[in-house]
Amino acid sequence: MTPFQNYQPLLELTRGPIGESLHFGALAVVDANGKLLASQGNPDTVTFLRSSAKPFQTLPLIENQAHTHWKLTEQEIAITCASHAGTAAHTATVASIQAKIHASEADLLCGTHPPMDNDTRLVLTRSGQNPTANQHNCSGKHTGMLAQARFLDLPISDYLNPEHAIQKQILQAFSEMCGMDPAEVILGTDGCSAPNFAIPLRNAALGFARLCDPRDLSPKRAQACKIITNAMTHYPMMISGPGRFDTRLMEVTGGKIVVKGGAEGFLAMGIMAGVLQPDSPGIGITLKIADGDLKSRARPAVALEILRQIGAISPDELAELSTFGPSFNLYNWRKIHIGSARPVFTLS
């Protein structure tokens, strides 16, 4: 089987009366006990989590109590899990952590790119300024790694080296959360140069289910998971940015859902214990759009349709998020309605 045989149709785009294009993908819905509840395509598809791994990359920082030592706020913890938009609020929060840990923007190894926030990017362009490392969407994650290294009195010049103690701790924690041995995890290099992880969708979903329902984990890890999910849901604007899907979904659902998107068509969600029913376990959901979803239109629509089908989101919440899907209209440059997008799957 070739990798792309793992995928099935998820979202259709029409023009006029006929279908014009189709996004294929795979997804897995798993509870905190490891039970596969639903899927589409092959739930054992191995793919990189990309930025969806960030909550797990923050886990050792919290477990080791480095956040307490550095007196990190919930807002600062949230930014370490973020793919932020590079707004002034985002960069100020990152810089605040750096000041506490006696580091600076110059210590970051993430590189630079234009801010994702349109207004911020426009200001830079008009003023002739270049983007800085703190405006990189991964600067919070990298600063969290620096905070951990400083706390343990470890070198920071090569904190991204897979053999660095910080990266080994992250890999161990990630593997345990996802029910795997570290040797089973396929390593790659992320866009920000940090190590990244490829595992089956169902294992990644298990990790998010446990993140949102850590009752069977050790007390130290369970507390760390709660600190991370509280920070993400209390400060969703830190996780992504104004008007972006991750932020809006967490704002609208008021703490019952954690969401973290990743590059190349990956997205992960965790549903808190007790959301579906009073005694229901936490649920993890992971999805991969095969074509990479470069316009970021398929992931939100598919994610909302999954939540709708499993009963994890209300009609009122869906109405607030209707610009993202599950179905939405398509318009041309003159704002003429030319077609629509709609989910084409039923969870099995």
Protein backbone atom coordinates (compact mmCIF):
# COMPACT_ATOMS: atom_id res chain seq x y z
CA MET A 1 0.00 0.00 0.00
CA THR A 2 1.33 3.45 -0.91
CA PRO A 3 0.95 6.18 1.73
CA PHE A 4 -1.80 7.94 -0.21
CA GLN A 5 -3.96 4.81 -0.23
CA ASN A 6 -4.46 5.51 3.47
CA TYR A 7 -6.69 8.48 2.64
CA GLN A 8 -10.38 8.85 1.77
CA PRO A 9 -12.49 11.83 0.60
CA LEU A 10 -13.26 14.32 3.38
CA LEU A 11 -14.20 17.68 1.83
CA GLU A 12 -15.64 18.43 -1.63
CA LEU A 13 -15.49 21.80 -3.36
CA THR A 14 -18.05 22.59 -6.04
CA ARG A 15 -18.25 25.14 -8.84
CA GLY A 16 -21.71 25.68 -10.24
CA PRO A 17 -23.59 22.38 -10.27
CA ILE A 18 -20.64 19.97 -10.15
CA GLY A 19 -17.77 18.97 -7.91
CA GLU A 20 -14.48 20.61 -8.86
CA SER A 21 -11.94 19.39 -6.31
CA LEU A 22 -11.66 17.05 -3.37
CA HIS A 23 -9.56 17.03 -0.23
CA PHE A 24 -8.56 13.51 0.86
CA GLY A 25 -7.41 12.65 4.36
CA ALA A 26 -7.46 10.30 7.31
CA LEU A 27 -8.55 10.73 10.91
CA ALA A 28 -8.81 8.91 14.21
CA VAL A 29 -11.04 9.40 17.27
CA VAL A 30 -9.68 7.67 20.38
CA ASP A 31 -10.65 7.78 24.05
CA ALA A 32 -8.28 8.05 27.00
CA ASN A 33 -8.50 4.28 27.51
CA GLY A 34 -7.02 3.72 24.05
CA LYS A 35 -10.26 2.62 22.36
CA LEU A 36 -10.65 3.63 18.72
CA LEU A 37 -14.12 5.17 18.61
CA ALA A 38 -14.27 6.28 15.00
CA SER A 39 -12.11 6.78 11.94
CA GLN A 40 -12.01 7.68 8.29
CA GLY A 41 -9.25 6.43 6.07
CA ASN A 42 -6.53 4.46 7.83
CA PRO A 43 -6.23 5.42 11.52
CA ASP A 44 -2.74 3.87 11.54
CA THR A 45 -1.46 6.36 8.96
CA VAL A 46 1.99 7.49 10.13
CA THR A 47 2.49 11.21 9.73
CA PHE A 48 4.26 14.14 11.41
CA LEU A 49 2.35 16.10 14.03
CA ARG A 50 4.30 19.25 13.23
CA SER A 51 3.12 22.04 15.56
CA SER A 52 0.35 19.89 17.01
CA ALA A 53 3.12 18.33 19.13
CA LYS A 54 3.75 21.59 21.02
CA PRO A 55 1.70 20.83 24.16
CA PHE A 56 3.78 17.67 24.61
CA GLN A 57 7.01 19.59 24.03
CA THR A 58 6.04 21.84 26.96
CA LEU A 59 5.27 18.87 29.24
CA PRO A 60 8.81 18.41 30.72
CA LEU A 61 9.01 22.13 31.47
CA ILE A 62 5.95 21.77 33.71
CA GLU A 63 6.74 18.33 35.14
CA ASN A 64 10.18 19.51 36.27
CA GLN A 65 8.62 22.55 37.97
CA ALA A 66 10.71 24.91 35.85
CA HIS A 67 7.59 27.02 35.30
CA THR A 68 7.32 27.52 39.08
CA HIS A 69 11.00 28.36 39.42
CA TRP A 70 10.73 31.02 36.70
CA LYS A 71 7.32 32.22 37.95
CA LEU A 72 5.71 31.73 34.57
CA THR A 73 2.12 32.92 34.25
CA GLU A 74 -0.65 30.92 32.58
CA GLN A 75 -0.38 33.26 29.62
CA GLU A 76 3.35 32.54 29.34
CA ILE A 77 2.78 28.79 29.60
CA ALA A 78 0.19 29.07 26.82
CA ILE A 79 2.65 30.79 24.46
CA THR A 80 5.08 27.87 24.84
CA CYS A 81 2.37 25.66 23.28
CA ALA A 82 1.56 28.15 20.53
CA SER A 83 1.83 28.74 16.82
CA HIS A 84 1.23 32.40 17.41
CA ALA A 85 0.59 35.13 14.85
CA GLY A 86 3.43 37.45 15.86
CA THR A 87 1.29 40.26 17.25
CA ALA A 88 2.65 42.74 19.78
CA ALA A 89 0.89 40.81 22.56
CA HIS A 90 2.52 37.56 21.43
CA THR A 91 6.04 38.94 21.17
CA ALA A 92 5.72 40.76 24.49
CA THR A 93 4.75 37.52 26.20
CA VAL A 94 7.70 35.67 24.66
CA ALA A 95 10.07 38.48 25.63
CA SER A 96 8.70 38.39 29.20
CA ILE A 97 9.74 34.75 29.55
CA GLN A 98 13.16 35.49 28.10
CA ALA A 99 13.73 38.24 30.65
CA LYS A 100 12.82 35.89 33.50
CA ILE A 101 15.17 33.11 32.35
CA HIS A 102 18.10 35.43 31.54
CA ALA A 103 17.97 34.70 27.82
CA SER A 104 17.26 36.84 24.78
CA GLU A 105 15.80 36.73 21.30
CA ALA A 106 19.35 36.19 20.01
CA ASP A 107 19.40 32.76 21.70
CA LEU A 108 16.52 31.45 19.58
CA LEU A 109 17.37 28.96 16.84
CA CYS A 110 14.00 29.08 15.08
CA GLY A 111 14.91 31.55 12.34
CA THR A 112 12.53 34.25 11.11
CA HIS A 113 9.51 34.61 8.86
CA PRO A 114 6.92 37.36 8.29
CA PRO A 115 4.31 37.52 11.07
CA MET A 116 1.15 35.55 10.37
CA ASP A 117 -1.01 38.41 11.61
CA ASN A 118 -1.95 40.55 8.61
CA ASP A 119 -1.97 43.88 10.47
CA THR A 120 1.41 43.23 12.08
CA ARG A 121 2.91 42.15 8.76
CA LEU A 122 1.56 45.28 7.05
CA VAL A 123 3.10 47.54 9.70
CA LEU A 124 6.49 45.88 9.19
CA THR A 125 6.28 46.20 5.42
CA ARG A 126 5.30 49.86 5.52
CA SER A 127 8.04 50.73 7.98
CA GLY A 128 10.71 48.79 6.08
CA GLN A 129 11.48 46.62 9.09
CA ASN A 130 12.49 42.97 8.95
CA PRO A 131 10.70 40.32 11.02
CA THR A 132 12.45 39.19 14.19
CA ALA A 133 12.86 35.77 15.80
CA ASN A 134 10.28 36.57 18.49
CA GLN A 135 7.70 37.06 15.73
CA HIS A 136 8.30 33.52 14.50
CA ASN A 137 5.23 31.42 15.27
CA CYS A 138 7.37 28.90 17.19
CA SER A 139 9.29 31.41 19.33
CA GLY A 140 7.23 30.52 22.40
CA LYS A 141 8.06 26.84 22.09
CA HIS A 142 11.74 27.61 21.64
CA THR A 143 11.74 29.97 24.61
CA GLY A 144 10.14 27.21 26.68
CA MET A 145 12.98 24.90 25.70
CA LEU A 146 15.48 27.57 26.74
CA ALA A 147 13.68 27.95 30.07
CA GLN A 148 14.00 24.23 30.68
CA ALA A 149 17.69 24.24 29.76
CA ARG A 150 18.41 27.23 32.00
CA PHE A 151 16.55 25.58 34.87
CA LEU A 152 18.65 22.42 34.56
CA ASP A 153 21.86 24.42 33.99
CA LEU A 154 22.35 22.86 30.56
CA PRO A 155 23.96 24.45 27.47
CA ILE A 156 21.61 26.51 25.34
CA SER A 157 23.75 26.89 22.22
CA ASP A 158 22.57 23.52 20.83
CA TYR A 159 19.22 23.06 22.60
CA LEU A 160 17.69 21.72 19.36
CA ASN A 161 20.18 18.86 19.02
CA PRO A 162 18.18 15.60 19.24
CA GLU A 163 20.91 14.34 21.61
CA HIS A 164 20.48 17.32 23.94
CA ALA A 165 19.00 16.31 27.31
CA ILE A 166 16.02 18.63 26.77
CA GLN A 167 15.08 16.97 23.49
CA LYS A 168 15.50 13.50 24.99
CA GLN A 169 13.13 14.43 27.83
CA ILE A 170 10.61 15.76 25.34
CA LEU A 171 10.77 12.61 23.21
CA GLN A 172 10.34 10.41 26.28
CA ALA A 173 7.32 12.34 27.54
CA PHE A 174 5.74 12.48 24.08
CA SER A 175 6.23 8.74 23.54
CA GLU A 176 4.73 7.84 26.91
CA MET A 177 1.68 10.04 26.35
CA CYS A 178 1.06 8.42 22.96
CA GLY A 179 1.59 4.84 24.15
CA MET A 180 4.79 4.19 22.23
CA ASP A 181 8.43 3.40 22.79
CA PRO A 182 10.75 6.31 21.88
CA ALA A 183 12.52 4.05 19.39
CA GLU A 184 9.23 3.67 17.46
CA VAL A 185 8.87 7.40 16.88
CA ILE A 186 10.15 8.62 13.51
CA LEU A 187 12.13 11.83 13.90
CA GLY A 188 12.27 14.67 11.41
CA THR A 189 13.26 18.34 11.46
CA ASP A 190 10.44 20.86 11.76
CA GLY A 191 10.20 24.16 9.90
CA CYS A 192 11.58 25.89 13.00
CA SER A 193 14.53 23.41 13.08
CA ALA A 194 13.32 21.60 16.23
CA PRO A 195 12.95 17.81 16.23
CA ASN A 196 9.47 16.67 15.22
CA PHE A 197 7.65 13.37 15.49
CA ALA A 198 5.81 11.04 13.10
CA ILE A 199 3.54 8.39 14.63
CA PRO A 200 0.21 6.72 13.76
CA LEU A 201 -2.85 8.97 13.92
CA ARG A 202 -4.46 6.75 16.54
CA ASN A 203 -1.44 7.10 18.88
CA ALA A 204 -1.39 10.87 18.47
CA ALA A 205 -5.11 10.94 19.26
CA LEU A 206 -4.45 8.86 22.38
CA GLY A 207 -1.91 11.46 23.48
CA PHE A 208 -4.47 14.26 23.18
CA ALA A 209 -7.11 12.16 24.96
CA ARG A 210 -4.73 11.63 27.89
CA LEU A 211 -3.75 15.30 27.85
CA CYS A 212 -7.42 16.16 28.44
CA ASP A 213 -8.16 13.24 30.76
CA PRO A 214 -4.98 12.35 32.68
CA ARG A 215 -6.71 10.49 35.53
CA ASP A 216 -4.72 7.28 34.91
CA LEU A 217 -1.35 9.03 34.67
CA SER A 218 1.08 9.64 37.53
CA PRO A 219 0.05 12.52 39.84
CA LYS A 220 2.96 14.67 38.62
CA ARG A 221 2.13 14.15 34.95
CA ALA A 222 -1.60 14.52 35.50
CA GLN A 223 -1.05 17.87 37.19
CA ALA A 224 1.23 18.99 34.36
CA CYS A 225 -1.42 18.07 31.78
CA LYS A 226 -4.04 20.08 33.66
CA ILE A 227 -1.74 23.09 33.86
CA ILE A 228 -1.14 22.95 30.10
CA THR A 229 -4.78 22.50 29.08
CA ASN A 230 -5.90 25.21 31.52
CA ALA A 231 -3.35 27.63 30.08
CA MET A 232 -4.40 26.85 26.50
CA THR A 233 -8.13 27.20 27.14
CA HIS A 234 -7.83 30.24 29.43
CA TYR A 235 -5.61 32.08 26.93
CA PRO A 236 -6.64 30.83 23.47
CA MET A 237 -5.51 34.11 21.88
CA MET A 238 -1.94 33.13 22.77
CA ILE A 239 -2.21 29.77 20.98
CA SER A 240 -2.92 31.15 17.51
CA GLY A 241 -4.23 34.68 17.08
CA PRO A 242 -7.14 36.96 16.20
CA GLY A 243 -9.73 35.25 14.03
CA ARG A 244 -7.72 32.06 13.56
CA PHE A 245 -9.37 28.65 13.94
CA ASP A 246 -7.53 27.28 16.98
CA THR A 247 -8.21 30.45 18.94
CA ARG A 248 -11.83 30.79 17.87
CA LEU A 249 -12.74 27.15 18.57
CA MET A 250 -11.37 27.35 22.10
CA GLU A 251 -12.99 30.75 22.69
CA VAL A 252 -16.41 29.57 21.53
CA THR A 253 -16.38 26.20 23.32
CA GLY A 254 -15.31 27.69 26.64
CA GLY A 255 -12.74 25.22 27.90
CA LYS A 256 -14.24 21.90 26.85
CA ILE A 257 -12.05 21.46 23.76
CA VAL A 258 -8.29 21.89 23.26
CA VAL A 259 -7.12 22.30 19.66
CA LYS A 260 -3.68 22.63 18.11
CA GLY A 261 -3.09 22.73 14.39
CA GLY A 262 0.09 21.82 12.59
CA ALA A 263 1.62 22.43 9.18
CA GLU A 264 1.01 20.26 6.09
CA GLY A 265 -2.59 19.47 6.91
CA PHE A 266 -2.34 18.13 10.47
CA LEU A 267 -4.73 19.07 13.27
CA ALA A 268 -5.35 17.62 16.73
CA MET A 269 -8.10 18.16 19.27
CA GLY A 270 -8.76 16.95 22.79
CA ILE A 271 -12.21 16.82 24.38
CA MET A 272 -12.31 17.05 28.14
CA ALA A 273 -13.64 14.20 30.26
CA GLY A 274 -17.38 14.46 30.90
CA VAL A 275 -18.19 16.60 27.86
CA LEU A 276 -20.11 13.99 25.87
CA GLN A 277 -21.71 12.41 28.94
CA PRO A 278 -21.25 12.95 32.69
CA ASP A 279 -18.92 9.94 32.96
CA SER A 280 -17.39 9.94 29.48
CA PRO A 281 -13.59 9.73 29.20
CA GLY A 282 -11.50 12.34 27.45
CA ILE A 283 -11.31 11.99 23.70
CA GLY A 284 -8.50 12.72 21.27
CA ILE A 285 -9.02 13.50 17.59
CA THR A 286 -6.31 13.73 14.96
CA LEU A 287 -6.66 14.38 11.26
CA LYS A 288 -4.34 14.70 8.30
CA ILE A 289 -5.29 16.32 4.99
CA ALA A 290 -3.26 14.52 2.34
CA ASP A 291 -2.54 17.52 0.10
CA GLY A 292 -1.19 19.63 2.98
CA ASP A 293 -4.20 22.01 3.05
CA LEU A 294 -2.09 25.03 2.11
CA LYS A 295 -5.10 27.38 2.17
CA SER A 296 -6.14 26.07 5.62
CA ARG A 297 -9.74 25.60 4.55
CA ALA A 298 -10.09 21.82 4.88
CA ARG A 299 -8.89 21.25 8.44
CA PRO A 300 -11.34 23.58 10.19
CA ALA A 301 -14.30 22.31 8.16
CA VAL A 302 -13.41 18.65 8.73
CA ALA A 303 -12.69 19.26 12.43
CA LEU A 304 -16.08 20.89 12.96
CA GLU A 305 -17.83 18.07 11.11
CA ILE A 306 -16.13 15.50 13.34
CA LEU A 307 -17.21 17.41 16.44
CA ARG A 308 -20.76 17.67 15.06
CA GLN A 309 -20.99 13.97 14.26
CA ILE A 310 -19.80 12.85 17.71
CA GLY A 311 -21.98 15.39 19.50
CA ALA A 312 -19.16 17.43 21.04
CA ILE A 313 -20.33 20.83 19.79
CA SER A 314 -23.71 22.54 20.04
CA PRO A 315 -25.72 24.12 17.19
CA ASP A 316 -25.14 27.56 18.73
CA GLU A 317 -21.38 26.97 18.85
CA LEU A 318 -21.39 25.78 15.24
CA ALA A 319 -23.28 28.90 14.24
CA GLU A 320 -20.59 31.09 15.82
CA LEU A 321 -17.94 29.20 13.85
CA SER A 322 -19.87 28.98 10.58
CA THR A 323 -17.25 30.90 8.57
CA PHE A 324 -14.95 27.89 9.08
CA GLY A 325 -17.53 25.22 8.20
CA PRO A 326 -18.49 22.43 8.29
CA SER A 327 -19.98 23.72 5.00
CA PHE A 328 -19.25 27.14 3.57
CA ASN A 329 -19.78 29.14 0.40
CA LEU A 330 -17.05 29.96 -2.08
CA TYR A 331 -16.74 33.37 -3.73
CA ASN A 332 -14.56 34.78 -6.49
CA TRP A 333 -12.53 38.00 -6.36
CA ARG A 334 -15.66 40.04 -7.16
CA LYS A 335 -17.47 38.41 -4.23
CA ILE A 336 -19.76 36.49 -6.58
CA HIS A 337 -20.98 33.18 -5.13
CA ILE A 338 -19.52 30.47 -7.35
CA GLY A 339 -19.77 27.25 -5.34
CA SER A 340 -19.47 25.67 -1.92
CA ALA A 341 -17.45 23.32 0.24
CA ARG A 342 -19.03 20.47 2.15
CA PRO A 343 -17.90 17.40 4.13
CA VAL A 344 -18.39 14.09 2.31
CA PHE A 345 -17.72 11.56 5.07
CA THR A 346 -19.60 9.71 7.75
CA LEU A 347 -17.49 8.48 10.64
CA SER A 348 -17.11 4.72 10.79
